[in-house]
N, C-alpha and C. Protein backbone atom coordinates (compact mmCIF):
# COMPACT_ATOMS: atom_id res chain seq x y z
N MET A 1 -21.74 0.48 4.05
CA MET A 1 -20.47 0.07 3.42
C MET A 1 -20.38 -1.14 3.25
N LYS A 2 -19.87 -2.00 2.19
CA LYS A 2 -19.65 -3.20 2.14
C LYS A 2 -18.55 -3.74 2.79
N GLU A 3 -18.37 -4.80 3.06
CA GLU A 3 -17.17 -5.32 4.06
C GLU A 3 -15.88 -5.30 3.23
N ASP A 4 -15.88 -5.53 2.00
CA ASP A 4 -14.62 -5.58 1.32
C ASP A 4 -14.24 -3.99 0.88
N THR A 5 -15.21 -3.08 0.76
CA THR A 5 -14.98 -1.76 0.76
C THR A 5 -14.03 -1.24 2.10
N GLU A 6 -14.77 -1.55 3.10
CA GLU A 6 -14.25 -1.44 4.63
C GLU A 6 -12.88 -1.65 4.69
N THR A 7 -12.64 -2.98 4.22
CA THR A 7 -11.11 -3.55 4.31
C THR A 7 -10.32 -2.98 3.44
N LEU A 8 -10.91 -2.59 2.22
CA LEU A 8 -9.82 -1.94 1.16
C LEU A 8 -9.40 -0.36 1.81
N PHE A 9 -10.40 -0.02 2.31
CA PHE A 9 -10.25 1.57 2.80
C PHE A 9 -9.26 1.42 3.84
N GLU A 10 -9.26 0.46 4.81
CA GLU A 10 -8.48 0.24 6.04
C GLU A 10 -7.08 0.10 5.47
N ILE A 11 -6.91 -0.69 4.34
CA ILE A 11 -5.64 -0.75 3.77
C ILE A 11 -5.20 0.33 3.17
N LEU A 12 -5.74 1.23 2.62
CA LEU A 12 -5.36 2.54 2.24
C LEU A 12 -4.95 3.34 3.39
N LEU A 13 -5.68 3.37 4.66
CA LEU A 13 -5.18 4.20 5.61
C LEU A 13 -3.67 3.59 6.05
N SER A 14 -3.62 2.40 6.33
CA SER A 14 -2.33 1.80 6.69
C SER A 14 -1.26 2.00 5.60
N ALA A 15 -1.63 1.88 4.52
CA ALA A 15 -0.62 2.09 3.51
C ALA A 15 0.00 3.69 3.56
N ASP A 16 -1.13 4.56 3.71
CA ASP A 16 -0.66 5.81 4.03
C ASP A 16 0.29 6.16 5.18
N ARG A 17 -0.12 5.46 6.34
CA ARG A 17 0.66 5.54 7.62
C ARG A 17 2.30 4.88 7.25
N ILE A 18 2.20 3.91 6.42
CA ILE A 18 3.51 3.28 6.36
C ILE A 18 4.31 4.29 5.28
N CYS A 19 3.77 4.89 4.54
CA CYS A 19 4.59 5.86 3.60
C CYS A 19 4.87 7.09 4.57
N SER A 20 4.03 7.56 5.41
CA SER A 20 4.40 8.67 6.18
C SER A 20 5.42 8.25 7.19
N LYS A 21 5.35 7.09 7.86
CA LYS A 21 6.51 6.60 8.56
C LYS A 21 7.90 6.58 8.07
N LEU A 22 7.94 6.01 6.80
CA LEU A 22 9.03 5.72 5.94
C LEU A 22 9.55 7.01 5.32
N GLU A 23 8.76 7.95 4.94
CA GLU A 23 9.23 9.35 4.62
C GLU A 23 9.91 9.99 5.71
N GLU A 24 9.44 9.88 6.92
CA GLU A 24 10.21 10.62 8.03
C GLU A 24 11.44 9.89 8.30
N ALA A 25 11.37 8.35 8.46
CA ALA A 25 12.69 7.86 8.56
C ALA A 25 13.65 7.87 7.60
N SER A 26 13.25 8.11 6.37
CA SER A 26 14.27 8.38 5.10
C SER A 26 15.03 9.59 5.25
N LEU A 27 14.67 10.49 6.18
CA LEU A 27 15.29 11.68 6.36
C LEU A 27 16.71 11.47 7.29
N ASP A 28 16.74 10.31 7.97
CA ASP A 28 18.14 9.82 8.52
C ASP A 28 18.81 9.09 7.88
N MET A 29 18.63 8.87 6.47
CA MET A 29 19.30 8.02 5.36
C MET A 29 20.47 8.90 4.89
N ALA A 30 21.47 8.18 4.55
CA ALA A 30 22.60 9.00 3.86
C ALA A 30 22.16 8.97 2.36
N PRO A 31 22.56 10.20 1.66
CA PRO A 31 22.40 9.96 0.24
C PRO A 31 22.99 8.90 -0.54
N SER A 32 22.20 8.12 -1.26
CA SER A 32 22.51 6.88 -1.95
C SER A 32 21.65 6.42 -2.87
N GLU A 33 21.94 5.39 -3.52
CA GLU A 33 21.07 4.93 -4.63
C GLU A 33 19.80 4.58 -3.84
N ASP A 34 19.84 3.70 -2.99
CA ASP A 34 18.56 3.35 -2.08
C ASP A 34 17.75 4.38 -1.65
N TYR A 35 18.47 5.64 -1.29
CA TYR A 35 17.63 6.72 -0.70
C TYR A 35 16.91 7.22 -2.07
N VAL A 36 17.45 7.42 -3.09
CA VAL A 36 16.88 7.87 -4.46
C VAL A 36 15.71 7.01 -4.67
N GLN A 37 16.02 5.55 -4.76
CA GLN A 37 14.86 4.61 -5.21
C GLN A 37 13.73 4.64 -4.12
N LEU A 38 14.10 4.80 -2.94
CA LEU A 38 13.03 4.93 -1.83
C LEU A 38 12.08 6.15 -2.10
N ARG A 39 12.93 7.23 -2.59
CA ARG A 39 11.78 8.57 -2.80
C ARG A 39 10.97 8.34 -3.92
N THR A 40 11.49 7.60 -4.97
CA THR A 40 10.90 7.45 -5.99
C THR A 40 9.70 6.40 -5.93
N LYS A 41 9.80 5.47 -5.11
CA LYS A 41 8.78 4.43 -4.80
C LYS A 41 7.79 5.15 -3.91
N LEU A 42 8.08 5.87 -3.04
CA LEU A 42 7.13 6.45 -2.16
C LEU A 42 6.39 7.44 -2.98
N LEU A 43 6.86 8.21 -3.99
CA LEU A 43 5.90 8.92 -4.81
C LEU A 43 5.00 8.02 -5.62
N GLU A 44 5.39 7.00 -6.13
CA GLU A 44 4.69 6.06 -7.01
C GLU A 44 3.44 5.67 -5.74
N CYS A 45 3.92 5.23 -4.67
CA CYS A 45 2.78 4.84 -3.66
C CYS A 45 1.83 5.99 -3.51
N ARG A 46 2.38 7.26 -3.28
CA ARG A 46 1.43 8.30 -2.99
C ARG A 46 0.46 8.61 -4.29
N ALA A 47 0.88 8.39 -5.48
CA ALA A 47 0.19 8.48 -6.69
C ALA A 47 -0.97 7.46 -6.75
N ALA A 48 -0.59 6.22 -6.35
CA ALA A 48 -1.47 5.09 -6.27
C ALA A 48 -2.55 5.32 -5.19
N LEU A 49 -2.02 5.85 -4.12
CA LEU A 49 -2.98 6.09 -3.04
C LEU A 49 -4.28 7.18 -3.40
N ARG A 50 -3.61 8.19 -4.13
CA ARG A 50 -4.39 9.05 -4.48
C ARG A 50 -5.66 8.77 -5.47
N ARG A 51 -5.11 7.81 -6.44
CA ARG A 51 -5.93 7.34 -7.36
C ARG A 51 -7.03 6.38 -6.78
N LEU A 52 -6.69 5.72 -5.63
CA LEU A 52 -7.55 4.92 -4.98
C LEU A 52 -8.53 5.61 -3.96
N GLN A 53 -8.11 6.71 -3.50
CA GLN A 53 -8.92 7.69 -2.78
C GLN A 53 -9.99 8.14 -3.52
N GLY A 54 -9.72 8.53 -4.79
CA GLY A 54 -10.76 8.89 -5.76
C GLY A 54 -11.78 8.00 -6.07
N GLU A 55 -11.27 6.77 -6.03
CA GLU A 55 -12.44 5.49 -6.31
C GLU A 55 -13.23 5.46 -5.22
N TYR A 56 -12.68 5.77 -4.04
CA TYR A 56 -13.35 5.53 -2.77
C TYR A 56 -14.33 6.68 -2.60
N GLU A 57 -14.04 7.86 -3.09
CA GLU A 57 -14.86 9.01 -2.80
C GLU A 57 -16.01 8.84 -3.96
N GLN A 58 -15.87 8.23 -5.17
CA GLN A 58 -16.87 8.01 -5.74
C GLN A 58 -17.60 6.60 -5.79
N ASN A 59 -17.48 6.01 -4.73
CA ASN A 59 -17.98 4.85 -4.06
C ASN A 59 -17.82 3.55 -5.15
N LYS A 60 -16.60 3.50 -5.58
CA LYS A 60 -16.25 2.52 -6.58
C LYS A 60 -15.24 1.45 -6.06
N LEU A 61 -14.87 1.48 -4.78
CA LEU A 61 -13.92 0.73 -4.19
C LEU A 61 -14.47 -0.63 -3.81
N THR A 62 -14.09 -1.64 -4.72
CA THR A 62 -14.60 -2.86 -4.35
C THR A 62 -13.73 -3.78 -4.95
N ILE A 63 -13.57 -4.94 -4.41
CA ILE A 63 -12.58 -5.91 -4.99
C ILE A 63 -13.11 -6.56 -6.10
N VAL A 64 -14.35 -6.62 -6.37
CA VAL A 64 -14.84 -7.37 -7.52
C VAL A 64 -14.55 -6.56 -8.87
N SER A 65 -14.23 -5.33 -8.65
CA SER A 65 -13.68 -4.69 -9.91
C SER A 65 -12.28 -4.98 -10.23
N SER A 66 -12.04 -5.32 -11.33
CA SER A 66 -10.89 -5.91 -11.88
C SER A 66 -9.87 -4.65 -11.83
N SER A 67 -10.38 -3.51 -12.26
CA SER A 67 -9.38 -2.28 -12.22
C SER A 67 -8.92 -1.98 -10.72
N ILE A 68 -9.90 -2.14 -9.83
CA ILE A 68 -9.47 -1.79 -8.40
C ILE A 68 -8.43 -2.75 -7.92
N ALA A 69 -8.80 -3.85 -8.19
CA ALA A 69 -7.95 -5.09 -7.70
C ALA A 69 -6.32 -4.96 -8.25
N GLU A 70 -6.49 -4.42 -9.57
CA GLU A 70 -5.14 -4.25 -10.28
C GLU A 70 -4.29 -3.08 -9.77
N GLN A 71 -5.07 -2.05 -9.44
CA GLN A 71 -4.51 -0.91 -8.67
C GLN A 71 -4.05 -1.21 -7.30
N PHE A 72 -4.78 -2.07 -6.64
CA PHE A 72 -4.20 -2.28 -5.25
C PHE A 72 -3.02 -3.48 -5.57
N ARG A 73 -3.04 -4.15 -6.46
CA ARG A 73 -1.81 -5.09 -6.84
C ARG A 73 -0.56 -4.19 -6.98
N HIS A 74 -0.84 -3.12 -7.61
CA HIS A 74 0.30 -2.08 -8.04
C HIS A 74 0.63 -1.43 -6.70
N LEU A 75 -0.17 -1.04 -5.86
CA LEU A 75 0.07 -0.33 -4.57
C LEU A 75 0.97 -1.26 -3.81
N MET A 76 0.40 -2.70 -3.67
CA MET A 76 1.27 -3.57 -2.98
C MET A 76 2.91 -3.88 -3.48
N LEU A 77 2.93 -3.80 -4.62
CA LEU A 77 4.27 -3.94 -5.25
C LEU A 77 5.02 -2.61 -5.07
N TYR A 78 4.42 -1.39 -5.04
CA TYR A 78 5.19 -0.22 -4.58
C TYR A 78 5.58 -0.39 -3.48
N LEU A 79 4.75 -0.68 -2.37
CA LEU A 79 4.95 -0.82 -1.06
C LEU A 79 6.08 -1.88 -0.58
N LEU A 80 6.04 -2.89 -1.46
CA LEU A 80 7.19 -4.05 -1.21
C LEU A 80 8.59 -3.29 -1.49
N TRP A 81 8.59 -2.70 -2.62
CA TRP A 81 9.72 -1.91 -2.95
C TRP A 81 10.34 -0.82 -2.05
N VAL A 82 9.25 -0.05 -1.41
CA VAL A 82 9.49 0.79 -0.40
C VAL A 82 10.13 0.11 0.89
N ILE A 83 9.58 -0.89 1.19
CA ILE A 83 10.09 -1.71 2.41
C ILE A 83 11.45 -2.06 2.16
N PHE A 84 11.77 -2.69 0.87
CA PHE A 84 13.07 -3.12 0.39
C PHE A 84 14.19 -1.79 0.70
N TYR A 85 13.76 -0.82 -0.12
CA TYR A 85 14.82 0.24 -0.07
C TYR A 85 14.99 1.06 1.28
N SER A 86 13.99 0.85 2.25
CA SER A 86 13.91 1.38 3.47
C SER A 86 14.51 0.61 4.70
N ARG A 87 15.13 -0.68 4.12
CA ARG A 87 15.69 -1.79 4.97
C ARG A 87 16.58 -1.17 5.98
N ALA A 88 17.35 0.07 5.85
CA ALA A 88 18.13 0.43 6.75
C ALA A 88 17.60 1.48 8.03
N VAL A 89 16.41 1.62 7.59
CA VAL A 89 15.77 2.53 8.74
C VAL A 89 14.16 2.06 9.13
N ILE A 90 13.78 0.84 8.58
CA ILE A 90 12.49 0.63 8.77
C ILE A 90 12.38 -0.25 10.13
N ASP A 91 11.31 0.07 10.92
CA ASP A 91 11.35 -0.77 12.25
C ASP A 91 10.35 -1.78 12.05
N ARG A 92 10.35 -2.84 13.11
CA ARG A 92 9.55 -4.02 12.96
C ARG A 92 8.08 -3.83 12.97
N ARG A 93 7.67 -2.87 13.67
CA ARG A 93 6.30 -2.56 13.79
C ARG A 93 5.81 -2.07 12.22
N THR A 94 6.42 -1.24 11.64
CA THR A 94 6.14 -0.82 10.37
C THR A 94 6.20 -1.98 9.24
N PHE A 95 7.06 -2.82 9.34
CA PHE A 95 7.18 -3.82 8.56
C PHE A 95 6.05 -4.87 8.86
N ARG A 96 5.50 -5.02 10.01
CA ARG A 96 4.49 -5.96 10.31
C ARG A 96 3.15 -5.28 9.99
N ARG A 97 3.07 -4.07 9.87
CA ARG A 97 1.82 -3.32 9.39
C ARG A 97 1.59 -3.65 7.83
N PHE A 98 2.92 -3.85 7.14
CA PHE A 98 2.82 -4.18 5.77
C PHE A 98 2.30 -5.60 5.43
N VAL A 99 2.85 -6.41 6.42
CA VAL A 99 2.59 -7.93 6.24
C VAL A 99 1.22 -8.01 6.43
N VAL A 100 0.60 -7.49 7.50
CA VAL A 100 -0.96 -7.25 7.66
C VAL A 100 -1.70 -6.94 6.53
N ILE A 101 -1.43 -6.01 6.08
CA ILE A 101 -2.22 -5.35 4.85
C ILE A 101 -1.97 -6.21 3.74
N HIS A 102 -0.86 -6.71 3.29
CA HIS A 102 -0.69 -7.51 2.35
C HIS A 102 -1.56 -8.84 2.36
N SER A 103 -1.45 -9.35 3.73
CA SER A 103 -2.36 -10.34 3.98
C SER A 103 -3.78 -10.26 3.77
N ALA A 104 -4.21 -9.07 4.06
CA ALA A 104 -5.79 -8.74 4.06
C ALA A 104 -6.17 -8.49 2.63
N PHE A 105 -5.16 -8.11 1.90
CA PHE A 105 -5.54 -7.82 0.41
C PHE A 105 -5.55 -9.34 -0.25
N THR A 106 -4.62 -10.10 0.11
CA THR A 106 -4.72 -11.46 -0.44
C THR A 106 -5.88 -12.29 -0.23
N HIS A 107 -6.24 -11.93 1.19
CA HIS A 107 -7.43 -12.73 1.69
C HIS A 107 -8.70 -12.28 0.78
N LEU A 108 -8.81 -10.90 0.60
CA LEU A 108 -9.93 -10.39 -0.28
C LEU A 108 -9.79 -10.92 -1.75
N LEU A 109 -8.71 -11.02 -2.35
CA LEU A 109 -8.53 -11.53 -3.54
C LEU A 109 -9.01 -12.99 -3.53
N LEU A 110 -8.51 -13.74 -2.64
CA LEU A 110 -8.87 -15.18 -2.82
C LEU A 110 -10.42 -15.31 -2.35
N SER A 111 -10.97 -14.55 -1.57
CA SER A 111 -12.44 -14.59 -1.36
C SER A 111 -13.13 -14.29 -2.35
N ASP A 112 -12.79 -13.34 -3.15
CA ASP A 112 -13.37 -12.92 -4.52
C ASP A 112 -13.48 -14.20 -5.40
N THR A 113 -12.29 -14.81 -5.73
CA THR A 113 -11.97 -15.83 -6.62
C THR A 113 -12.70 -17.11 -6.16
N LEU A 114 -12.83 -17.44 -4.93
CA LEU A 114 -13.60 -18.33 -4.38
C LEU A 114 -14.94 -18.19 -4.74
N GLN A 115 -15.56 -17.18 -4.82
CA GLN A 115 -16.88 -16.85 -4.84
C GLN A 115 -17.52 -16.98 -6.22
N ASP A 116 -16.59 -16.78 -7.22
CA ASP A 116 -16.99 -16.98 -8.77
C ASP A 116 -17.14 -18.21 -9.01
């Protein structure tokens, strides 16, 4: 497995953990607009994760694919909104996990750009 594929797969696993953690934490939220938006963004994240998991299973998960890079960019945006809407219940560790995977994704994008 190529290094970028390993990193992308680790990002997928971490994103899945973030979603699971925040889905669980959202159960403690009072019904509100933030709650509705959080649930919507979590669904979008889950859909993006399923699509990317399919790419991984077909051995197509690589940062050099503009389609894969775009799907990961969308995943990062969905996660950013999830973080925002879960601000009342998110813990520091979960937020830090997001920062780490966002940083790893940015590093992959920059590395690919610099190699071109």
